[in-house]
Amino acid sequence: MEELKVYDIHQDELQKLQYALISTNKGDILLQLFPNDAPQTVTNFATLAKEGFYDGLSFHRVIEGFVAQGGCPHGTGTGGPGYRIACELLGNPNLHKRGSISMAHAGRDTGGSQFFLCFVDLPHLDGEHTVFGRIPPNQQESLKVLDSLKPNDTINSIKISEEIPQ
């Protein structure tokens, strides 16, 4: 089994990880991240994004009325970054609501790079997967882009920022 990666996170650095802008071939999806509720997951996602890990990857699994999943370097749902991270479920108040981003995994504490975006509320996933961000309620354009995703649509890049990107 791959090693369990743990990030040494400083609070001032964590607070710089507030937003993610996922640029896709269909448009941009703005996410507000939850660094205080899921610090390891947000740091992992931001680190991979800043390294360009997600650039050019596809949404390999898109199920209408369920989720759009991406982040597999093989495009099959079988790959990851070469390590795993722990789930952050205890004390995480965030639920799988429409527009949420959550860590995909093959069992508890096996996540790495794959994530999914919820097309609808998915309460049966609460307490099973780590929700680490969401499309802000006033971002209707981001929800439209999410709703337009189809299998093999492309993640052009993911940018992480402290302020809402303009």
N, C-alpha and C. Protein backbone atom coordinates (compact mmCIF):
# COMPACT_ATOMS: atom_id res chain seq x y z
N MET A 1 0.85 -1.18 0.00
CA MET A 1 0.00 0.00 0.00
C MET A 1 0.89 1.24 0.00
N GLU A 2 0.45 2.25 -0.70
CA GLU A 2 1.20 3.51 -0.76
C GLU A 2 1.24 4.18 0.60
N GLU A 3 2.27 5.00 0.80
CA GLU A 3 2.43 5.69 2.08
C GLU A 3 1.29 6.68 2.31
N LEU A 4 0.98 6.89 3.59
CA LEU A 4 -0.01 7.88 3.99
C LEU A 4 0.73 9.21 4.16
N LYS A 5 0.39 10.17 3.33
CA LYS A 5 1.07 11.47 3.36
C LYS A 5 0.38 12.39 4.35
N VAL A 6 1.18 13.05 5.17
CA VAL A 6 0.67 14.02 6.13
C VAL A 6 1.41 15.33 5.90
N TYR A 7 0.67 16.41 5.72
CA TYR A 7 1.26 17.72 5.48
C TYR A 7 1.48 18.43 6.81
N ASP A 8 2.64 19.08 6.93
CA ASP A 8 2.92 19.97 8.05
C ASP A 8 2.39 21.34 7.63
N ILE A 9 1.27 21.72 8.21
CA ILE A 9 0.57 22.91 7.74
C ILE A 9 0.69 24.04 8.76
N HIS A 10 1.09 25.19 8.29
CA HIS A 10 1.13 26.38 9.12
C HIS A 10 -0.15 27.17 8.85
N GLN A 11 -0.78 27.65 9.91
CA GLN A 11 -2.07 28.33 9.80
C GLN A 11 -2.05 29.50 8.82
N ASP A 12 -0.97 30.28 8.80
CA ASP A 12 -0.92 31.43 7.88
C ASP A 12 -0.89 30.97 6.42
N GLU A 13 -0.24 29.86 6.15
CA GLU A 13 -0.21 29.32 4.78
C GLU A 13 -1.57 28.73 4.41
N LEU A 14 -2.19 28.07 5.37
CA LEU A 14 -3.49 27.46 5.13
C LEU A 14 -4.53 28.51 4.73
N GLN A 15 -4.45 29.68 5.32
CA GLN A 15 -5.43 30.72 5.04
C GLN A 15 -5.29 31.31 3.63
N LYS A 16 -4.20 31.00 2.94
CA LYS A 16 -4.02 31.44 1.56
C LYS A 16 -4.73 30.52 0.57
N LEU A 17 -5.26 29.41 1.07
CA LEU A 17 -5.90 28.40 0.22
C LEU A 17 -7.42 28.52 0.32
N GLN A 18 -7.96 29.63 -0.15
CA GLN A 18 -9.38 29.92 0.01
C GLN A 18 -10.24 29.59 -1.21
N TYR A 19 -9.66 29.71 -2.40
CA TYR A 19 -10.43 29.52 -3.63
C TYR A 19 -9.66 28.68 -4.64
N ALA A 20 -10.42 27.93 -5.43
CA ALA A 20 -9.85 27.20 -6.56
C ALA A 20 -10.66 27.57 -7.79
N LEU A 21 -9.98 27.83 -8.88
CA LEU A 21 -10.63 28.09 -10.17
C LEU A 21 -10.24 26.95 -11.09
N ILE A 22 -11.22 26.07 -11.36
CA ILE A 22 -10.98 24.95 -12.27
C ILE A 22 -11.36 25.43 -13.66
N SER A 23 -10.36 25.56 -14.51
CA SER A 23 -10.58 25.95 -15.91
C SER A 23 -10.76 24.67 -16.72
N THR A 24 -11.91 24.54 -17.37
CA THR A 24 -12.21 23.36 -18.18
C THR A 24 -12.43 23.77 -19.63
N ASN A 25 -12.55 22.79 -20.50
CA ASN A 25 -12.87 23.09 -21.90
C ASN A 25 -14.30 23.62 -22.05
N LYS A 26 -15.11 23.56 -21.00
CA LYS A 26 -16.48 24.06 -21.03
C LYS A 26 -16.62 25.42 -20.35
N GLY A 27 -15.56 25.88 -19.68
CA GLY A 27 -15.62 27.13 -18.94
C GLY A 27 -15.00 26.95 -17.56
N ASP A 28 -15.17 27.95 -16.72
CA ASP A 28 -14.54 27.94 -15.40
C ASP A 28 -15.53 27.60 -14.30
N ILE A 29 -15.01 26.89 -13.28
CA ILE A 29 -15.77 26.56 -12.09
C ILE A 29 -15.02 27.14 -10.90
N LEU A 30 -15.67 28.08 -10.21
CA LEU A 30 -15.07 28.69 -9.02
C LEU A 30 -15.53 27.92 -7.79
N LEU A 31 -14.56 27.58 -6.93
CA LEU A 31 -14.85 26.88 -5.69
C LEU A 31 -14.32 27.66 -4.51
N GLN A 32 -15.09 27.73 -3.46
CA GLN A 32 -14.59 28.21 -2.17
C GLN A 32 -14.12 26.97 -1.43
N LEU A 33 -12.87 26.98 -0.98
CA LEU A 33 -12.30 25.83 -0.28
C LEU A 33 -12.55 25.95 1.22
N PHE A 34 -12.45 24.83 1.92
CA PHE A 34 -12.68 24.77 3.37
C PHE A 34 -11.40 24.36 4.09
N PRO A 35 -10.36 25.23 4.12
CA PRO A 35 -9.09 24.85 4.72
C PRO A 35 -9.16 24.61 6.23
N ASN A 36 -10.10 25.23 6.91
CA ASN A 36 -10.21 25.02 8.36
C ASN A 36 -10.88 23.69 8.70
N ASP A 37 -11.78 23.21 7.84
CA ASP A 37 -12.52 21.97 8.09
C ASP A 37 -11.81 20.74 7.55
N ALA A 38 -11.01 20.91 6.50
CA ALA A 38 -10.31 19.79 5.86
C ALA A 38 -8.90 20.24 5.45
N PRO A 39 -8.05 20.59 6.43
CA PRO A 39 -6.74 21.17 6.09
C PRO A 39 -5.82 20.26 5.28
N GLN A 40 -5.79 18.98 5.57
CA GLN A 40 -4.92 18.07 4.82
C GLN A 40 -5.41 17.92 3.38
N THR A 41 -6.72 17.77 3.22
CA THR A 41 -7.29 17.57 1.89
C THR A 41 -7.13 18.82 1.03
N VAL A 42 -7.40 19.98 1.59
CA VAL A 42 -7.25 21.23 0.85
C VAL A 42 -5.78 21.45 0.49
N THR A 43 -4.88 21.21 1.44
CA THR A 43 -3.45 21.39 1.16
C THR A 43 -2.99 20.43 0.07
N ASN A 44 -3.44 19.19 0.12
CA ASN A 44 -3.07 18.21 -0.90
C ASN A 44 -3.58 18.66 -2.28
N PHE A 45 -4.85 19.03 -2.36
CA PHE A 45 -5.45 19.48 -3.62
C PHE A 45 -4.71 20.70 -4.16
N ALA A 46 -4.45 21.67 -3.28
CA ALA A 46 -3.76 22.90 -3.69
C ALA A 46 -2.33 22.61 -4.15
N THR A 47 -1.65 21.74 -3.45
CA THR A 47 -0.27 21.39 -3.82
C THR A 47 -0.24 20.74 -5.20
N LEU A 48 -1.13 19.78 -5.43
CA LEU A 48 -1.18 19.14 -6.75
C LEU A 48 -1.54 20.14 -7.83
N ALA A 49 -2.49 21.02 -7.55
CA ALA A 49 -2.90 22.04 -8.52
C ALA A 49 -1.73 22.96 -8.86
N LYS A 50 -1.02 23.43 -7.84
CA LYS A 50 0.10 24.35 -8.06
C LYS A 50 1.24 23.67 -8.82
N GLU A 51 1.39 22.36 -8.66
CA GLU A 51 2.43 21.62 -9.38
C GLU A 51 2.01 21.31 -10.82
N GLY A 52 0.76 21.60 -11.19
CA GLY A 52 0.27 21.32 -12.54
C GLY A 52 -0.18 19.89 -12.74
N PHE A 53 -0.33 19.14 -11.65
CA PHE A 53 -0.72 17.73 -11.74
C PHE A 53 -2.02 17.55 -12.53
N TYR A 54 -3.00 18.43 -12.31
CA TYR A 54 -4.32 18.27 -12.92
C TYR A 54 -4.39 18.79 -14.36
N ASP A 55 -3.39 19.56 -14.78
CA ASP A 55 -3.44 20.19 -16.11
C ASP A 55 -3.54 19.13 -17.21
N GLY A 56 -4.60 19.22 -17.99
CA GLY A 56 -4.78 18.32 -19.12
C GLY A 56 -5.48 17.01 -18.78
N LEU A 57 -5.77 16.76 -17.51
CA LEU A 57 -6.49 15.53 -17.15
C LEU A 57 -7.97 15.67 -17.51
N SER A 58 -8.67 14.55 -17.53
CA SER A 58 -10.07 14.58 -17.92
C SER A 58 -10.99 14.29 -16.73
N PHE A 59 -12.25 14.61 -16.95
CA PHE A 59 -13.30 14.13 -16.06
C PHE A 59 -13.65 12.74 -16.61
N HIS A 60 -13.02 11.72 -16.04
CA HIS A 60 -13.12 10.37 -16.59
C HIS A 60 -14.44 9.68 -16.22
N ARG A 61 -15.09 10.17 -15.19
CA ARG A 61 -16.35 9.56 -14.75
C ARG A 61 -17.37 10.68 -14.54
N VAL A 62 -18.36 10.73 -15.41
CA VAL A 62 -19.42 11.73 -15.30
C VAL A 62 -20.75 10.98 -15.38
N ILE A 63 -21.47 11.03 -14.28
CA ILE A 63 -22.77 10.35 -14.20
C ILE A 63 -23.83 11.41 -13.94
N GLU A 64 -24.68 11.63 -14.93
CA GLU A 64 -25.73 12.64 -14.83
C GLU A 64 -26.57 12.39 -13.58
N GLY A 65 -26.85 13.45 -12.84
CA GLY A 65 -27.62 13.33 -11.62
C GLY A 65 -26.83 12.80 -10.45
N PHE A 66 -25.50 12.68 -10.61
CA PHE A 66 -24.66 12.16 -9.53
C PHE A 66 -23.40 13.01 -9.39
N VAL A 67 -22.33 12.65 -10.08
CA VAL A 67 -21.06 13.37 -9.94
C VAL A 67 -20.30 13.46 -11.25
N ALA A 68 -19.36 14.42 -11.27
CA ALA A 68 -18.32 14.51 -12.30
C ALA A 68 -17.01 14.30 -11.56
N GLN A 69 -16.28 13.25 -11.92
CA GLN A 69 -15.05 12.89 -11.22
C GLN A 69 -13.84 13.07 -12.13
N GLY A 70 -12.78 13.66 -11.57
CA GLY A 70 -11.54 13.87 -12.30
C GLY A 70 -10.35 13.67 -11.39
N GLY A 71 -9.17 13.87 -11.94
CA GLY A 71 -7.96 13.79 -11.15
C GLY A 71 -7.18 12.50 -11.28
N CYS A 72 -7.58 11.62 -12.20
CA CYS A 72 -6.83 10.38 -12.43
C CYS A 72 -5.83 10.62 -13.55
N PRO A 73 -4.53 10.42 -13.29
CA PRO A 73 -3.54 10.65 -14.33
C PRO A 73 -3.63 9.68 -15.51
N HIS A 74 -4.34 8.56 -15.32
CA HIS A 74 -4.50 7.57 -16.40
C HIS A 74 -5.80 7.77 -17.18
N GLY A 75 -6.72 8.57 -16.62
CA GLY A 75 -8.01 8.78 -17.27
C GLY A 75 -8.96 7.61 -17.13
N THR A 76 -8.66 6.71 -16.20
CA THR A 76 -9.46 5.49 -16.04
C THR A 76 -10.09 5.36 -14.66
N GLY A 77 -9.67 6.19 -13.72
CA GLY A 77 -10.14 6.07 -12.35
C GLY A 77 -9.27 5.17 -11.50
N THR A 78 -8.14 4.72 -12.06
CA THR A 78 -7.27 3.78 -11.35
C THR A 78 -5.98 4.40 -10.83
N GLY A 79 -5.73 5.66 -11.15
CA GLY A 79 -4.45 6.27 -10.79
C GLY A 79 -4.54 7.34 -9.74
N GLY A 80 -3.37 7.71 -9.26
CA GLY A 80 -3.28 8.76 -8.25
C GLY A 80 -1.89 9.35 -8.24
N PRO A 81 -1.55 10.08 -7.17
CA PRO A 81 -0.26 10.77 -7.10
C PRO A 81 0.89 9.90 -6.59
N GLY A 82 0.61 8.65 -6.21
CA GLY A 82 1.67 7.78 -5.70
C GLY A 82 1.70 7.72 -4.18
N TYR A 83 0.73 8.31 -3.53
CA TYR A 83 0.58 8.26 -2.08
C TYR A 83 -0.91 8.38 -1.78
N ARG A 84 -1.28 8.25 -0.52
CA ARG A 84 -2.68 8.40 -0.14
C ARG A 84 -2.78 9.39 1.01
N ILE A 85 -3.97 9.94 1.21
CA ILE A 85 -4.20 10.87 2.32
C ILE A 85 -5.36 10.34 3.16
N ALA A 86 -5.38 10.76 4.40
CA ALA A 86 -6.45 10.35 5.31
C ALA A 86 -7.73 11.12 5.03
N CYS A 87 -8.85 10.48 5.26
CA CYS A 87 -10.14 11.16 5.19
C CYS A 87 -10.23 12.11 6.39
N GLU A 88 -10.90 13.24 6.19
CA GLU A 88 -11.12 14.22 7.26
C GLU A 88 -12.62 14.35 7.47
N LEU A 89 -13.15 13.44 8.25
CA LEU A 89 -14.59 13.37 8.46
C LEU A 89 -15.02 13.88 9.82
N LEU A 90 -14.25 13.59 10.87
CA LEU A 90 -14.59 14.03 12.21
C LEU A 90 -14.48 15.55 12.30
N GLY A 91 -15.53 16.18 12.77
CA GLY A 91 -15.52 17.63 12.93
C GLY A 91 -15.69 18.42 11.63
N ASN A 92 -15.83 17.73 10.51
CA ASN A 92 -16.05 18.42 9.23
C ASN A 92 -17.56 18.57 9.04
N PRO A 93 -18.08 19.80 9.15
CA PRO A 93 -19.53 20.00 9.10
C PRO A 93 -20.11 20.03 7.68
N ASN A 94 -19.27 19.94 6.66
CA ASN A 94 -19.73 20.13 5.29
C ASN A 94 -20.36 18.87 4.72
N LEU A 95 -21.43 19.08 3.98
CA LEU A 95 -22.21 17.99 3.44
C LEU A 95 -22.11 17.96 1.91
N HIS A 96 -22.46 16.84 1.36
CA HIS A 96 -22.45 16.66 -0.10
C HIS A 96 -23.70 17.31 -0.70
N LYS A 97 -23.59 18.62 -0.93
CA LYS A 97 -24.65 19.40 -1.54
C LYS A 97 -24.31 19.66 -3.00
N ARG A 98 -25.29 20.06 -3.77
CA ARG A 98 -25.05 20.43 -5.17
C ARG A 98 -23.91 21.44 -5.22
N GLY A 99 -22.90 21.18 -6.06
CA GLY A 99 -21.78 22.08 -6.22
C GLY A 99 -20.62 21.82 -5.27
N SER A 100 -20.74 20.83 -4.38
CA SER A 100 -19.64 20.51 -3.47
C SER A 100 -18.54 19.75 -4.20
N ILE A 101 -17.31 19.91 -3.70
CA ILE A 101 -16.18 19.12 -4.18
C ILE A 101 -15.74 18.23 -3.03
N SER A 102 -15.50 16.96 -3.34
CA SER A 102 -15.18 15.97 -2.33
C SER A 102 -14.08 15.05 -2.84
N MET A 103 -13.35 14.44 -1.91
CA MET A 103 -12.24 13.55 -2.27
C MET A 103 -12.78 12.16 -2.59
N ALA A 104 -12.44 11.67 -3.76
CA ALA A 104 -12.79 10.30 -4.14
C ALA A 104 -11.78 9.35 -3.51
N HIS A 105 -12.22 8.13 -3.24
CA HIS A 105 -11.31 7.13 -2.70
C HIS A 105 -11.84 5.73 -2.98
N ALA A 106 -10.98 4.76 -2.74
CA ALA A 106 -11.34 3.35 -2.92
C ALA A 106 -11.52 2.67 -1.57
N GLY A 107 -11.85 3.43 -0.56
CA GLY A 107 -11.97 2.95 0.81
C GLY A 107 -11.35 3.99 1.73
N ARG A 108 -11.74 3.96 2.97
CA ARG A 108 -11.28 4.95 3.93
C ARG A 108 -9.77 5.14 3.87
N ASP A 109 -9.35 6.40 3.86
CA ASP A 109 -7.93 6.80 3.89
C ASP A 109 -7.13 6.34 2.67
N THR A 110 -7.77 6.27 1.51
CA THR A 110 -7.06 5.89 0.28
C THR A 110 -7.12 6.96 -0.80
N GLY A 111 -7.62 8.16 -0.46
CA GLY A 111 -7.69 9.24 -1.45
C GLY A 111 -6.30 9.72 -1.81
N GLY A 112 -6.22 10.48 -2.90
CA GLY A 112 -4.94 11.02 -3.34
C GLY A 112 -5.13 12.24 -4.21
N SER A 113 -5.51 12.01 -5.45
CA SER A 113 -5.68 13.13 -6.38
C SER A 113 -7.09 13.20 -6.96
N GLN A 114 -7.83 12.12 -6.92
CA GLN A 114 -9.15 12.12 -7.56
C GLN A 114 -10.18 12.81 -6.67
N PHE A 115 -10.99 13.62 -7.32
CA PHE A 115 -12.04 14.38 -6.64
C PHE A 115 -13.31 14.28 -7.45
N PHE A 116 -14.42 14.62 -6.82
CA PHE A 116 -15.67 14.68 -7.57
C PHE A 116 -16.46 15.92 -7.18
N LEU A 117 -17.23 16.40 -8.14
CA LEU A 117 -18.14 17.52 -7.98
C LEU A 117 -19.57 16.98 -8.02
N CYS A 118 -20.39 17.39 -7.07
CA CYS A 118 -21.76 16.88 -6.95
C CYS A 118 -22.72 17.67 -7.84
N PHE A 119 -23.45 16.95 -8.70
CA PHE A 119 -24.49 17.57 -9.51
C PHE A 119 -25.74 17.87 -8.67
N VAL A 120 -25.96 17.05 -7.64
CA VAL A 120 -27.15 17.17 -6.77
C VAL A 120 -26.71 16.90 -5.33
N ASP A 121 -27.60 17.11 -4.37
CA ASP A 121 -27.32 16.73 -2.99
C ASP A 121 -27.18 15.21 -2.92
N LEU A 122 -26.16 14.75 -2.21
CA LEU A 122 -25.88 13.32 -2.09
C LEU A 122 -25.66 12.95 -0.62
N PRO A 123 -26.72 12.98 0.19
CA PRO A 123 -26.55 12.77 1.63
C PRO A 123 -26.00 11.40 2.00
N HIS A 124 -26.17 10.40 1.13
CA HIS A 124 -25.63 9.07 1.45
C HIS A 124 -24.11 9.04 1.44
N LEU A 125 -23.46 10.09 0.90
CA LEU A 125 -21.99 10.16 0.91
C LEU A 125 -21.45 10.92 2.12
N ASP A 126 -22.34 11.61 2.86
CA ASP A 126 -21.91 12.35 4.04
C ASP A 126 -21.30 11.38 5.05
N GLY A 127 -20.15 11.76 5.60
CA GLY A 127 -19.46 10.91 6.56
C GLY A 127 -18.65 9.79 5.94
N GLU A 128 -18.66 9.71 4.61
CA GLU A 128 -17.89 8.68 3.90
C GLU A 128 -16.74 9.29 3.08
N HIS A 129 -16.95 10.47 2.54
CA HIS A 129 -15.96 11.18 1.73
C HIS A 129 -15.76 12.57 2.31
N THR A 130 -14.57 13.13 2.13
CA THR A 130 -14.23 14.44 2.67
C THR A 130 -14.67 15.55 1.73
N VAL A 131 -15.67 16.32 2.15
CA VAL A 131 -16.07 17.52 1.42
C VAL A 131 -15.06 18.61 1.79
N PHE A 132 -14.43 19.22 0.76
CA PHE A 132 -13.40 20.22 1.05
C PHE A 132 -13.62 21.55 0.33
N GLY A 133 -14.78 21.74 -0.25
CA GLY A 133 -15.10 23.01 -0.88
C GLY A 133 -16.46 22.94 -1.54
N ARG A 134 -16.85 24.08 -2.14
CA ARG A 134 -18.13 24.14 -2.84
C ARG A 134 -18.17 25.35 -3.77
N ILE A 135 -19.03 25.27 -4.74
CA ILE A 135 -19.30 26.43 -5.59
C ILE A 135 -20.12 27.40 -4.73
N PRO A 136 -19.66 28.65 -4.58
CA PRO A 136 -20.43 29.60 -3.78
C PRO A 136 -21.84 29.80 -4.35
N PRO A 137 -22.82 30.04 -3.48
CA PRO A 137 -24.22 30.14 -3.92
C PRO A 137 -24.48 31.17 -5.01
N ASN A 138 -23.70 32.24 -5.07
CA ASN A 138 -23.95 33.29 -6.06
C ASN A 138 -23.24 33.04 -7.39
N GLN A 139 -22.65 31.88 -7.56
CA GLN A 139 -21.87 31.58 -8.77
C GLN A 139 -22.67 30.70 -9.74
N GLN A 140 -23.73 31.28 -10.28
CA GLN A 140 -24.59 30.53 -11.20
C GLN A 140 -23.85 30.06 -12.46
N GLU A 141 -22.90 30.87 -12.91
CA GLU A 141 -22.15 30.48 -14.12
C GLU A 141 -21.33 29.22 -13.86
N SER A 142 -20.75 29.12 -12.67
CA SER A 142 -19.98 27.91 -12.32
C SER A 142 -20.89 26.69 -12.27
N LEU A 143 -22.10 26.85 -11.76
CA LEU A 143 -23.04 25.73 -11.73
C LEU A 143 -23.43 25.32 -13.16
N LYS A 144 -23.59 26.29 -14.05
CA LYS A 144 -23.91 25.97 -15.45
C LYS A 144 -22.78 25.17 -16.09
N VAL A 145 -21.52 25.58 -15.81
CA VAL A 145 -20.38 24.83 -16.36
C VAL A 145 -20.37 23.42 -15.79
N LEU A 146 -20.57 23.30 -14.47
CA LEU A 146 -20.63 21.97 -13.85
C LEU A 146 -21.68 21.11 -14.56
N ASP A 147 -22.88 21.65 -14.73
CA ASP A 147 -23.97 20.90 -15.35
C ASP A 147 -23.68 20.50 -16.79
N SER A 148 -22.78 21.21 -17.45
CA SER A 148 -22.47 20.92 -18.85
C SER A 148 -21.42 19.84 -19.03
N LEU A 149 -20.74 19.43 -17.94
CA LEU A 149 -19.64 18.47 -18.06
C LEU A 149 -20.11 17.11 -18.57
N LYS A 150 -19.31 16.55 -19.45
CA LYS A 150 -19.55 15.22 -20.03
C LYS A 150 -18.27 14.40 -19.86
N PRO A 151 -18.37 13.07 -20.00
CA PRO A 151 -17.17 12.24 -19.89
C PRO A 151 -16.08 12.70 -20.85
N ASN A 152 -14.86 12.74 -20.34
CA ASN A 152 -13.65 13.10 -21.08
C ASN A 152 -13.50 14.59 -21.34
N ASP A 153 -14.38 15.43 -20.77
CA ASP A 153 -14.11 16.86 -20.80
C ASP A 153 -12.81 17.09 -20.03
N THR A 154 -12.12 18.17 -20.37
CA THR A 154 -10.75 18.38 -19.90
C THR A 154 -10.63 19.44 -18.82
N ILE A 155 -9.76 19.15 -17.86
CA ILE A 155 -9.33 20.14 -16.87
C ILE A 155 -8.11 20.82 -17.49
N ASN A 156 -8.26 22.08 -17.87
CA ASN A 156 -7.11 22.79 -18.45
C ASN A 156 -6.10 23.12 -17.37
N SER A 157 -6.60 23.65 -16.24
CA SER A 157 -5.73 24.01 -15.12
C SER A 157 -6.59 24.24 -13.89
N ILE A 158 -5.93 24.25 -12.73
CA ILE A 158 -6.59 24.62 -11.48
C ILE A 158 -5.69 25.64 -10.80
N LYS A 159 -6.24 26.81 -10.55
CA LYS A 159 -5.51 27.89 -9.89
C LYS A 159 -6.04 28.05 -8.47
N ILE A 160 -5.14 28.18 -7.51
CA ILE A 160 -5.48 28.35 -6.10
C ILE A 160 -5.18 29.79 -5.70
N SER A 161 -6.08 30.42 -4.94
CA SER A 161 -5.84 31.81 -4.56
C SER A 161 -6.45 32.12 -3.18
N GLU A 162 -5.99 33.21 -2.62
CA GLU A 162 -6.47 33.67 -1.33
C GLU A 162 -7.74 34.51 -1.49
N GLU A 163 -7.86 35.19 -2.62
CA GLU A 163 -9.01 36.05 -2.92
C GLU A 163 -9.76 35.46 -4.10
N ILE A 164 -11.01 35.87 -4.25
CA ILE A 164 -11.79 35.42 -5.42
C ILE A 164 -11.07 35.92 -6.68
N PRO A 165 -10.74 35.00 -7.59
CA PRO A 165 -10.05 35.42 -8.83
C PRO A 165 -10.96 36.30 -9.68
N GLN A 166 -10.36 37.29 -10.30
CA GLN A 166 -11.13 38.20 -11.16
C GLN A 166 -11.02 37.79 -12.61
